Amino acid sequence: MPFDTAEAAQQVYSAFLRKDVRALRKINDKCIESIGAEFSEGMYLLAQISYILVKILVKPRYWRKEGASTMRALDASLKSCIPVAKARNEAQTAACFRKSLQLIGSLDAKDRRFITTLGEKSKLKIASTLYAQGFSLGIASEITGVDQREIMSYAGGTMMFDRLKSEVTMGERLKRARKIFEG
């Protein structure tokens, strides 16, 4: 069953307030899993946000004086998205999440250390996770807008496939296959 966008938004905001990186990672996994089950733009954007928030929380430079006003604005933006998501209007929810992503983008603009932005990294991670979950490379690329070669390179250079691999035995797979063809 897909993860509810309003519930996910509330959980992301709560974990962000607590600066709970572990919770944000788990929420991100659930968001990506939900995208795989039933795509929604709001959930996709929330998956990006939750991934980026993890990166922000583990890097103190984003919390320094020069980023403090942006972090307060991000807090307010995320909080304002919760009632919008609860209203179940996909277009308005996506627009609200895009505003939060724009604020996050301004953090990247202030700190030009890296060639790849946090937004680009989040898309690559989501695409690679979808690919590792069994989606075709083309679909993962189409959903996220990330080049197929980048997805393959990232997924192949990480332990992603090992982490997401199924723990189903060969015997269980055969049993399931027989059941499908018998019925």
N, C-alpha and C. Protein backbone atom coordinates (compact mmCIF):
# COMPACT_ATOMS: atom_id res chain seq x y z
N MET A 1 0.85 -1.19 0.00
CA MET A 1 0.00 0.00 0.00
C MET A 1 0.89 1.24 0.00
N PRO A 2 0.59 2.20 -0.89
CA PRO A 2 1.41 3.41 -0.95
C PRO A 2 1.35 4.22 0.35
N PHE A 3 2.41 4.89 0.61
CA PHE A 3 2.56 5.78 1.77
C PHE A 3 1.72 7.02 1.51
N ASP A 4 0.91 7.45 2.46
CA ASP A 4 0.08 8.63 2.32
C ASP A 4 0.95 9.89 2.33
N THR A 5 0.76 10.75 1.36
CA THR A 5 1.58 11.95 1.23
C THR A 5 1.46 12.87 2.44
N ALA A 6 0.25 13.05 2.94
CA ALA A 6 0.05 13.93 4.11
C ALA A 6 0.77 13.35 5.33
N GLU A 7 0.64 12.05 5.53
CA GLU A 7 1.32 11.40 6.65
C GLU A 7 2.83 11.51 6.49
N ALA A 8 3.30 11.29 5.29
CA ALA A 8 4.74 11.39 5.01
C ALA A 8 5.24 12.81 5.26
N ALA A 9 4.47 13.81 4.84
CA ALA A 9 4.88 15.21 5.04
C ALA A 9 4.99 15.52 6.53
N GLN A 10 4.03 15.04 7.30
CA GLN A 10 4.06 15.25 8.75
C GLN A 10 5.28 14.58 9.37
N GLN A 11 5.56 13.36 8.95
CA GLN A 11 6.71 12.62 9.48
C GLN A 11 8.03 13.29 9.10
N VAL A 12 8.13 13.78 7.88
CA VAL A 12 9.35 14.47 7.44
C VAL A 12 9.56 15.72 8.28
N TYR A 13 8.51 16.49 8.46
CA TYR A 13 8.63 17.71 9.24
C TYR A 13 9.01 17.41 10.69
N SER A 14 8.38 16.43 11.29
CA SER A 14 8.69 16.07 12.68
C SER A 14 10.13 15.60 12.83
N ALA A 15 10.57 14.76 11.91
CA ALA A 15 11.96 14.27 11.96
C ALA A 15 12.94 15.41 11.74
N PHE A 16 12.60 16.34 10.86
CA PHE A 16 13.45 17.50 10.61
C PHE A 16 13.57 18.34 11.88
N LEU A 17 12.45 18.59 12.56
CA LEU A 17 12.49 19.36 13.81
C LEU A 17 13.37 18.70 14.87
N ARG A 18 13.30 17.38 14.93
CA ARG A 18 14.09 16.62 15.91
C ARG A 18 15.53 16.42 15.43
N LYS A 19 15.79 16.79 14.18
CA LYS A 19 17.09 16.55 13.54
C LYS A 19 17.44 15.07 13.58
N ASP A 20 16.43 14.25 13.30
CA ASP A 20 16.54 12.79 13.37
C ASP A 20 16.87 12.23 11.98
N VAL A 21 18.15 12.10 11.71
CA VAL A 21 18.63 11.64 10.42
C VAL A 21 18.15 10.21 10.12
N ARG A 22 18.21 9.36 11.10
CA ARG A 22 17.80 7.96 10.91
C ARG A 22 16.32 7.89 10.49
N ALA A 23 15.47 8.65 11.17
CA ALA A 23 14.04 8.66 10.83
C ALA A 23 13.84 9.18 9.41
N LEU A 24 14.56 10.24 9.05
CA LEU A 24 14.43 10.78 7.69
C LEU A 24 14.85 9.77 6.64
N ARG A 25 15.87 9.00 6.91
CA ARG A 25 16.29 7.96 5.95
C ARG A 25 15.21 6.90 5.78
N LYS A 26 14.59 6.51 6.88
CA LYS A 26 13.53 5.51 6.80
C LYS A 26 12.31 6.07 6.05
N ILE A 27 11.98 7.32 6.32
CA ILE A 27 10.87 7.96 5.62
C ILE A 27 11.18 8.04 4.13
N ASN A 28 12.43 8.40 3.80
CA ASN A 28 12.84 8.48 2.40
C ASN A 28 12.67 7.14 1.71
N ASP A 29 13.08 6.06 2.37
CA ASP A 29 12.91 4.72 1.80
C ASP A 29 11.44 4.43 1.53
N LYS A 30 10.57 4.79 2.48
CA LYS A 30 9.14 4.55 2.31
C LYS A 30 8.56 5.40 1.18
N CYS A 31 9.04 6.63 1.06
CA CYS A 31 8.59 7.50 -0.04
C CYS A 31 8.97 6.90 -1.39
N ILE A 32 10.19 6.45 -1.51
CA ILE A 32 10.65 5.87 -2.78
C ILE A 32 9.89 4.59 -3.08
N GLU A 33 9.66 3.78 -2.07
CA GLU A 33 8.88 2.56 -2.25
C GLU A 33 7.47 2.89 -2.73
N SER A 34 6.90 3.95 -2.18
CA SER A 34 5.56 4.38 -2.57
C SER A 34 5.54 4.87 -4.02
N ILE A 35 6.59 5.57 -4.43
CA ILE A 35 6.69 6.03 -5.82
C ILE A 35 6.67 4.83 -6.75
N GLY A 36 7.37 3.78 -6.33
CA GLY A 36 7.40 2.57 -7.14
C GLY A 36 6.05 1.88 -7.25
N ALA A 37 5.26 1.95 -6.18
CA ALA A 37 3.95 1.31 -6.17
C ALA A 37 2.92 2.13 -6.94
N GLU A 38 2.96 3.44 -6.75
CA GLU A 38 1.98 4.33 -7.39
C GLU A 38 2.59 5.73 -7.44
N PHE A 39 2.98 6.16 -8.62
CA PHE A 39 3.67 7.44 -8.74
C PHE A 39 2.74 8.61 -8.45
N SER A 40 3.24 9.55 -7.66
CA SER A 40 2.58 10.85 -7.50
C SER A 40 3.70 11.88 -7.42
N GLU A 41 3.47 13.02 -8.03
CA GLU A 41 4.50 14.06 -8.04
C GLU A 41 4.81 14.54 -6.63
N GLY A 42 3.76 14.67 -5.81
CA GLY A 42 3.97 15.12 -4.43
C GLY A 42 4.88 14.18 -3.66
N MET A 43 4.65 12.89 -3.81
CA MET A 43 5.48 11.91 -3.09
C MET A 43 6.91 11.92 -3.64
N TYR A 44 7.05 12.08 -4.94
CA TYR A 44 8.37 12.16 -5.55
C TYR A 44 9.15 13.36 -4.99
N LEU A 45 8.49 14.51 -4.94
CA LEU A 45 9.15 15.71 -4.41
C LEU A 45 9.47 15.55 -2.92
N LEU A 46 8.58 14.89 -2.19
CA LEU A 46 8.83 14.64 -0.77
C LEU A 46 10.00 13.68 -0.58
N ALA A 47 10.15 12.73 -1.48
CA ALA A 47 11.31 11.83 -1.43
C ALA A 47 12.59 12.64 -1.63
N GLN A 48 12.56 13.58 -2.56
CA GLN A 48 13.71 14.45 -2.76
C GLN A 48 14.01 15.26 -1.50
N ILE A 49 12.97 15.86 -0.95
CA ILE A 49 13.14 16.70 0.24
C ILE A 49 13.71 15.90 1.39
N SER A 50 13.16 14.72 1.65
CA SER A 50 13.64 13.93 2.79
C SER A 50 15.10 13.52 2.60
N TYR A 51 15.49 13.19 1.38
CA TYR A 51 16.89 12.84 1.11
C TYR A 51 17.80 14.04 1.36
N ILE A 52 17.39 15.19 0.84
CA ILE A 52 18.20 16.39 0.97
C ILE A 52 18.30 16.82 2.44
N LEU A 53 17.22 16.69 3.19
CA LEU A 53 17.26 17.08 4.60
C LEU A 53 18.28 16.25 5.37
N VAL A 54 18.41 14.98 5.02
CA VAL A 54 19.44 14.15 5.65
C VAL A 54 20.81 14.76 5.39
N LYS A 55 21.06 15.13 4.15
CA LYS A 55 22.36 15.72 3.79
C LYS A 55 22.59 17.04 4.51
N ILE A 56 21.54 17.82 4.64
CA ILE A 56 21.65 19.10 5.33
C ILE A 56 21.94 18.90 6.82
N LEU A 57 21.22 17.98 7.42
CA LEU A 57 21.36 17.76 8.86
C LEU A 57 22.74 17.24 9.26
N VAL A 58 23.39 16.50 8.39
CA VAL A 58 24.71 15.95 8.75
C VAL A 58 25.86 16.89 8.40
N LYS A 59 25.53 18.04 7.81
CA LYS A 59 26.58 19.01 7.45
C LYS A 59 26.35 20.31 8.21
N PRO A 60 27.13 20.56 9.25
CA PRO A 60 26.94 21.75 10.09
C PRO A 60 27.02 23.07 9.35
N ARG A 61 27.70 23.10 8.20
CA ARG A 61 27.84 24.38 7.50
C ARG A 61 26.49 24.95 7.08
N TYR A 62 25.49 24.11 6.90
CA TYR A 62 24.17 24.62 6.53
C TYR A 62 23.47 25.29 7.71
N TRP A 63 23.91 25.00 8.92
CA TRP A 63 23.27 25.53 10.12
C TRP A 63 23.98 26.79 10.65
N ARG A 64 25.08 27.16 10.04
CA ARG A 64 25.81 28.35 10.49
C ARG A 64 24.99 29.60 10.24
N LYS A 65 25.51 30.69 10.73
CA LYS A 65 24.80 31.97 10.68
C LYS A 65 24.26 32.30 9.28
N GLU A 66 25.08 32.11 8.25
CA GLU A 66 24.65 32.50 6.91
C GLU A 66 23.50 31.65 6.38
N GLY A 67 23.31 30.44 6.91
CA GLY A 67 22.21 29.59 6.46
C GLY A 67 21.02 29.59 7.40
N ALA A 68 21.15 30.24 8.55
CA ALA A 68 20.11 30.19 9.58
C ALA A 68 18.76 30.74 9.09
N SER A 69 18.78 31.84 8.37
CA SER A 69 17.51 32.41 7.90
C SER A 69 16.84 31.49 6.88
N THR A 70 17.64 30.87 6.04
CA THR A 70 17.08 29.93 5.07
C THR A 70 16.51 28.72 5.78
N MET A 71 17.18 28.26 6.83
CA MET A 71 16.69 27.10 7.57
C MET A 71 15.36 27.43 8.27
N ARG A 72 15.23 28.63 8.79
CA ARG A 72 13.95 29.04 9.41
C ARG A 72 12.85 29.09 8.34
N ALA A 73 13.17 29.64 7.18
CA ALA A 73 12.20 29.71 6.09
C ALA A 73 11.82 28.31 5.62
N LEU A 74 12.80 27.40 5.57
CA LEU A 74 12.53 26.02 5.18
C LEU A 74 11.61 25.35 6.20
N ASP A 75 11.87 25.59 7.47
CA ASP A 75 11.01 25.05 8.54
C ASP A 75 9.56 25.50 8.31
N ALA A 76 9.37 26.79 8.08
CA ALA A 76 8.02 27.34 7.87
C ALA A 76 7.39 26.77 6.60
N SER A 77 8.19 26.62 5.56
CA SER A 77 7.69 26.10 4.29
C SER A 77 7.22 24.65 4.44
N LEU A 78 8.04 23.83 5.08
CA LEU A 78 7.67 22.43 5.28
C LEU A 78 6.41 22.32 6.13
N LYS A 79 6.34 23.12 7.16
CA LYS A 79 5.18 23.11 8.05
C LYS A 79 3.91 23.51 7.28
N SER A 80 4.03 24.49 6.41
CA SER A 80 2.86 24.95 5.64
C SER A 80 2.38 23.91 4.63
N CYS A 81 3.24 23.00 4.24
CA CYS A 81 2.86 21.97 3.26
C CYS A 81 1.99 20.87 3.87
N ILE A 82 2.03 20.70 5.17
CA ILE A 82 1.27 19.62 5.80
C ILE A 82 -0.24 19.78 5.58
N PRO A 83 -0.84 20.95 5.92
CA PRO A 83 -2.29 21.07 5.66
C PRO A 83 -2.64 21.02 4.17
N VAL A 84 -1.75 21.48 3.33
CA VAL A 84 -1.98 21.41 1.88
C VAL A 84 -2.04 19.95 1.44
N ALA A 85 -1.11 19.13 1.94
CA ALA A 85 -1.11 17.70 1.61
C ALA A 85 -2.35 17.01 2.17
N LYS A 86 -2.78 17.43 3.35
CA LYS A 86 -3.99 16.83 3.95
C LYS A 86 -5.24 17.14 3.14
N ALA A 87 -5.23 18.25 2.40
CA ALA A 87 -6.37 18.62 1.56
C ALA A 87 -6.48 17.73 0.32
N ARG A 88 -5.45 16.95 0.06
CA ARG A 88 -5.43 15.96 -1.03
C ARG A 88 -5.54 16.56 -2.43
N ASN A 89 -5.01 17.77 -2.60
CA ASN A 89 -4.95 18.38 -3.91
C ASN A 89 -3.51 18.20 -4.41
N GLU A 90 -3.33 17.27 -5.33
CA GLU A 90 -1.99 16.89 -5.79
C GLU A 90 -1.21 18.07 -6.37
N ALA A 91 -1.87 18.90 -7.17
CA ALA A 91 -1.18 20.03 -7.80
C ALA A 91 -0.71 21.04 -6.76
N GLN A 92 -1.56 21.36 -5.79
CA GLN A 92 -1.18 22.32 -4.75
C GLN A 92 -0.10 21.74 -3.84
N THR A 93 -0.20 20.44 -3.55
CA THR A 93 0.80 19.78 -2.71
C THR A 93 2.16 19.82 -3.39
N ALA A 94 2.18 19.48 -4.68
CA ALA A 94 3.44 19.50 -5.43
C ALA A 94 4.01 20.91 -5.48
N ALA A 95 3.16 21.90 -5.68
CA ALA A 95 3.63 23.30 -5.73
C ALA A 95 4.24 23.71 -4.40
N CYS A 96 3.63 23.29 -3.30
CA CYS A 96 4.16 23.62 -1.98
C CYS A 96 5.53 22.96 -1.77
N PHE A 97 5.65 21.71 -2.15
CA PHE A 97 6.93 21.01 -2.00
C PHE A 97 8.00 21.63 -2.90
N ARG A 98 7.60 22.09 -4.09
CA ARG A 98 8.57 22.74 -4.99
C ARG A 98 9.13 24.02 -4.35
N LYS A 99 8.29 24.75 -3.61
CA LYS A 99 8.76 25.96 -2.91
C LYS A 99 9.81 25.59 -1.87
N SER A 100 9.58 24.49 -1.16
CA SER A 100 10.58 24.03 -0.18
C SER A 100 11.87 23.66 -0.88
N LEU A 101 11.77 23.01 -2.03
CA LEU A 101 12.97 22.65 -2.79
C LEU A 101 13.71 23.88 -3.29
N GLN A 102 12.99 24.93 -3.62
CA GLN A 102 13.64 26.18 -4.05
C GLN A 102 14.45 26.78 -2.90
N LEU A 103 13.90 26.73 -1.70
CA LEU A 103 14.65 27.21 -0.54
C LEU A 103 15.93 26.40 -0.34
N ILE A 104 15.80 25.11 -0.50
CA ILE A 104 16.96 24.23 -0.37
C ILE A 104 17.98 24.58 -1.44
N GLY A 105 17.51 24.87 -2.64
CA GLY A 105 18.40 25.26 -3.73
C GLY A 105 19.19 26.51 -3.40
N SER A 106 18.58 27.40 -2.63
CA SER A 106 19.31 28.62 -2.26
C SER A 106 20.48 28.30 -1.32
N LEU A 107 20.38 27.22 -0.56
CA LEU A 107 21.53 26.80 0.26
C LEU A 107 22.69 26.37 -0.62
N ASP A 108 22.37 25.65 -1.70
CA ASP A 108 23.40 25.25 -2.66
C ASP A 108 24.05 26.46 -3.30
N ALA A 109 23.23 27.47 -3.60
CA ALA A 109 23.75 28.67 -4.25
C ALA A 109 24.73 29.42 -3.34
N LYS A 110 24.49 29.37 -2.03
CA LYS A 110 25.37 30.04 -1.07
C LYS A 110 26.68 29.28 -0.87
N ASP A 111 26.66 27.99 -1.08
CA ASP A 111 27.83 27.16 -0.84
C ASP A 111 28.18 26.42 -2.13
N ARG A 112 29.08 26.94 -2.89
CA ARG A 112 29.42 26.40 -4.21
C ARG A 112 30.58 25.40 -4.16
N ARG A 113 30.61 24.54 -3.16
CA ARG A 113 31.71 23.57 -3.05
C ARG A 113 31.63 22.44 -4.05
N PHE A 114 30.42 22.08 -4.44
CA PHE A 114 30.24 20.87 -5.22
C PHE A 114 29.64 21.18 -6.58
N ILE A 115 29.98 20.36 -7.55
CA ILE A 115 29.45 20.50 -8.90
C ILE A 115 28.00 20.02 -8.93
N THR A 116 27.71 18.94 -8.24
CA THR A 116 26.37 18.38 -8.20
C THR A 116 25.59 18.98 -7.04
N THR A 117 24.42 19.50 -7.33
CA THR A 117 23.60 20.11 -6.28
C THR A 117 22.91 19.03 -5.45
N LEU A 118 22.38 19.43 -4.31
CA LEU A 118 21.64 18.49 -3.47
C LEU A 118 20.41 17.96 -4.21
N GLY A 119 19.77 18.81 -5.00
CA GLY A 119 18.61 18.38 -5.78
C GLY A 119 18.96 17.32 -6.81
N GLU A 120 20.08 17.53 -7.50
CA GLU A 120 20.53 16.55 -8.49
C GLU A 120 20.90 15.23 -7.83
N LYS A 121 21.56 15.32 -6.68
CA LYS A 121 21.93 14.10 -5.94
C LYS A 121 20.69 13.33 -5.52
N SER A 122 19.66 14.06 -5.06
CA SER A 122 18.45 13.39 -4.61
C SER A 122 17.76 12.66 -5.76
N LYS A 123 17.72 13.27 -6.92
CA LYS A 123 17.11 12.62 -8.09
C LYS A 123 17.89 11.36 -8.47
N LEU A 124 19.21 11.45 -8.44
CA LEU A 124 20.05 10.31 -8.78
C LEU A 124 19.84 9.16 -7.80
N LYS A 125 19.74 9.47 -6.52
CA LYS A 125 19.52 8.44 -5.50
C LYS A 125 18.16 7.78 -5.70
N ILE A 126 17.14 8.57 -5.96
CA ILE A 126 15.80 8.02 -6.17
C ILE A 126 15.78 7.14 -7.42
N ALA A 127 16.38 7.62 -8.50
CA ALA A 127 16.42 6.84 -9.74
C ALA A 127 17.15 5.53 -9.54
N SER A 128 18.28 5.57 -8.86
CA SER A 128 19.07 4.36 -8.62
C SER A 128 18.33 3.38 -7.73
N THR A 129 17.61 3.90 -6.74
CA THR A 129 16.85 3.02 -5.85
C THR A 129 15.71 2.36 -6.62
N LEU A 130 15.01 3.12 -7.45
CA LEU A 130 13.95 2.53 -8.27
C LEU A 130 14.51 1.44 -9.17
N TYR A 131 15.65 1.72 -9.77
CA TYR A 131 16.32 0.73 -10.64
C TYR A 131 16.70 -0.52 -9.85
N ALA A 132 17.22 -0.33 -8.66
CA ALA A 132 17.61 -1.46 -7.81
C ALA A 132 16.39 -2.25 -7.35
N GLN A 133 15.24 -1.59 -7.26
CA GLN A 133 14.01 -2.27 -6.85
C GLN A 133 13.40 -3.08 -7.99
N GLY A 134 13.95 -2.95 -9.19
CA GLY A 134 13.46 -3.76 -10.29
C GLY A 134 12.82 -2.97 -11.42
N PHE A 135 12.74 -1.66 -11.29
CA PHE A 135 12.21 -0.87 -12.39
C PHE A 135 13.22 -0.87 -13.52
N SER A 136 12.73 -0.73 -14.74
CA SER A 136 13.67 -0.67 -15.85
C SER A 136 14.47 0.63 -15.75
N LEU A 137 15.62 0.58 -16.34
CA LEU A 137 16.49 1.76 -16.36
C LEU A 137 15.77 2.93 -17.03
N GLY A 138 15.05 2.64 -18.10
CA GLY A 138 14.31 3.68 -18.82
C GLY A 138 13.24 4.34 -17.98
N ILE A 139 12.49 3.54 -17.23
CA ILE A 139 11.43 4.08 -16.38
C ILE A 139 12.04 4.92 -15.27
N ALA A 140 13.08 4.41 -14.60
CA ALA A 140 13.74 5.16 -13.53
C ALA A 140 14.26 6.49 -14.06
N SER A 141 14.80 6.48 -15.26
CA SER A 141 15.31 7.69 -15.88
C SER A 141 14.17 8.65 -16.24
N GLU A 142 13.09 8.11 -16.76
CA GLU A 142 11.96 8.93 -17.17
C GLU A 142 11.30 9.61 -15.96
N ILE A 143 11.13 8.88 -14.87
CA ILE A 143 10.49 9.43 -13.68
C ILE A 143 11.31 10.57 -13.09
N THR A 144 12.62 10.41 -13.06
CA THR A 144 13.48 11.37 -12.36
C THR A 144 14.17 12.38 -13.26
N GLY A 145 14.26 12.07 -14.54
CA GLY A 145 14.96 12.97 -15.45
C GLY A 145 16.47 12.81 -15.40
N VAL A 146 16.94 11.72 -14.80
CA VAL A 146 18.38 11.47 -14.68
C VAL A 146 18.83 10.58 -15.84
N ASP A 147 19.98 10.90 -16.41
CA ASP A 147 20.54 10.14 -17.51
C ASP A 147 20.76 8.67 -17.10
N GLN A 148 20.45 7.75 -18.00
CA GLN A 148 20.57 6.32 -17.70
C GLN A 148 21.99 5.91 -17.32
N ARG A 149 22.99 6.49 -18.00
CA ARG A 149 24.38 6.15 -17.67
C ARG A 149 24.73 6.56 -16.25
N GLU A 150 24.22 7.72 -15.82
CA GLU A 150 24.48 8.18 -14.45
C GLU A 150 23.85 7.22 -13.44
N ILE A 151 22.65 6.76 -13.73
CA ILE A 151 21.97 5.82 -12.84
C ILE A 151 22.77 4.54 -12.71
N MET A 152 23.19 3.99 -13.84
CA MET A 152 23.96 2.74 -13.82
C MET A 152 25.27 2.92 -13.07
N SER A 153 25.94 4.02 -13.31
CA SER A 153 27.21 4.28 -12.65
C SER A 153 27.04 4.39 -11.13
N TYR A 154 26.04 5.14 -10.71
CA TYR A 154 25.80 5.33 -9.28
C TYR A 154 25.37 4.02 -8.62
N ALA A 155 24.39 3.35 -9.22
CA ALA A 155 23.89 2.10 -8.63
C ALA A 155 24.98 1.04 -8.59
N GLY A 156 25.80 1.00 -9.64
CA GLY A 156 26.88 0.01 -9.68
C GLY A 156 28.02 0.32 -8.71
N GLY A 157 28.18 1.59 -8.37
CA GLY A 157 29.26 2.00 -7.47
C GLY A 157 28.88 1.99 -6.01
N THR A 158 27.64 1.63 -5.73
CA THR A 158 27.17 1.58 -4.34
C THR A 158 26.80 0.15 -3.97
N MET A 159 26.40 -0.04 -2.75
CA MET A 159 25.93 -1.35 -2.28
C MET A 159 24.40 -1.43 -2.39
N MET A 160 23.82 -0.58 -3.20
CA MET A 160 22.38 -0.46 -3.30
C MET A 160 21.69 -1.78 -3.62
N PHE A 161 22.19 -2.53 -4.59
CA PHE A 161 21.55 -3.78 -4.96
C PHE A 161 21.64 -4.80 -3.83
N ASP A 162 22.75 -4.80 -3.11
CA ASP A 162 22.89 -5.71 -1.98
C ASP A 162 21.93 -5.35 -0.86
N ARG A 163 21.76 -4.05 -0.62
CA ARG A 163 20.88 -3.59 0.46
C ARG A 163 19.42 -3.85 0.14
N LEU A 164 19.06 -3.75 -1.12
CA LEU A 164 17.66 -3.90 -1.52
C LEU A 164 17.32 -5.30 -2.02
N LYS A 165 18.29 -6.18 -2.03
CA LYS A 165 18.02 -7.50 -2.59
C LYS A 165 16.96 -8.23 -1.79
N SER A 166 16.23 -9.07 -2.48
CA SER A 166 15.16 -9.83 -1.86
C SER A 166 15.73 -11.00 -1.06
N GLU A 167 15.13 -11.25 0.05
CA GLU A 167 15.56 -12.36 0.90
C GLU A 167 14.71 -13.60 0.65
N VAL A 168 14.09 -13.70 -0.52
CA VAL A 168 13.24 -14.83 -0.86
C VAL A 168 14.11 -15.96 -1.40
N THR A 169 13.91 -17.14 -0.87
CA THR A 169 14.71 -18.29 -1.31
C THR A 169 14.27 -18.76 -2.69
N MET A 170 15.11 -19.55 -3.34
CA MET A 170 14.80 -20.08 -4.66
C MET A 170 13.56 -20.97 -4.58
N GLY A 171 13.45 -21.75 -3.53
CA GLY A 171 12.28 -22.61 -3.35
C GLY A 171 10.99 -21.81 -3.26
N GLU A 172 11.03 -20.70 -2.54
CA GLU A 172 9.85 -19.84 -2.41
C GLU A 172 9.52 -19.21 -3.76
N ARG A 173 10.51 -18.83 -4.52
CA ARG A 173 10.26 -18.26 -5.84
C ARG A 173 9.60 -19.27 -6.76
N LEU A 174 10.08 -20.52 -6.72
CA LEU A 174 9.47 -21.58 -7.54
C LEU A 174 8.02 -21.82 -7.12
N LYS A 175 7.78 -21.84 -5.81
CA LYS A 175 6.43 -22.04 -5.30
C LYS A 175 5.50 -20.94 -5.80
N ARG A 176 5.97 -19.70 -5.77
CA ARG A 176 5.16 -18.58 -6.24
C ARG A 176 4.90 -18.67 -7.74
N ALA A 177 5.92 -19.04 -8.49
CA ALA A 177 5.77 -19.17 -9.95
C ALA A 177 4.76 -20.27 -10.29
N ARG A 178 4.84 -21.39 -9.59
CA ARG A 178 3.88 -22.49 -9.84
C ARG A 178 2.46 -22.05 -9.54
N LYS A 179 2.30 -21.29 -8.45
CA LYS A 179 0.98 -20.82 -8.06
C LYS A 179 0.40 -19.89 -9.12
N ILE A 180 1.24 -19.04 -9.69
CA ILE A 180 0.79 -18.13 -10.74
C ILE A 180 0.32 -18.89 -11.95
N PHE A 181 1.07 -19.91 -12.38
CA PHE A 181 0.73 -20.64 -13.59
C PHE A 181 -0.37 -21.65 -13.38
N GLU A 182 -0.60 -22.07 -12.16
CA GLU A 182 -1.69 -23.01 -11.87
C GLU A 182 -3.04 -22.30 -11.85
N GLY A 183 -3.06 -21.07 -11.35
CA GLY A 183 -4.32 -20.35 -11.17
C GLY A 183 -4.66 -19.57 -12.35
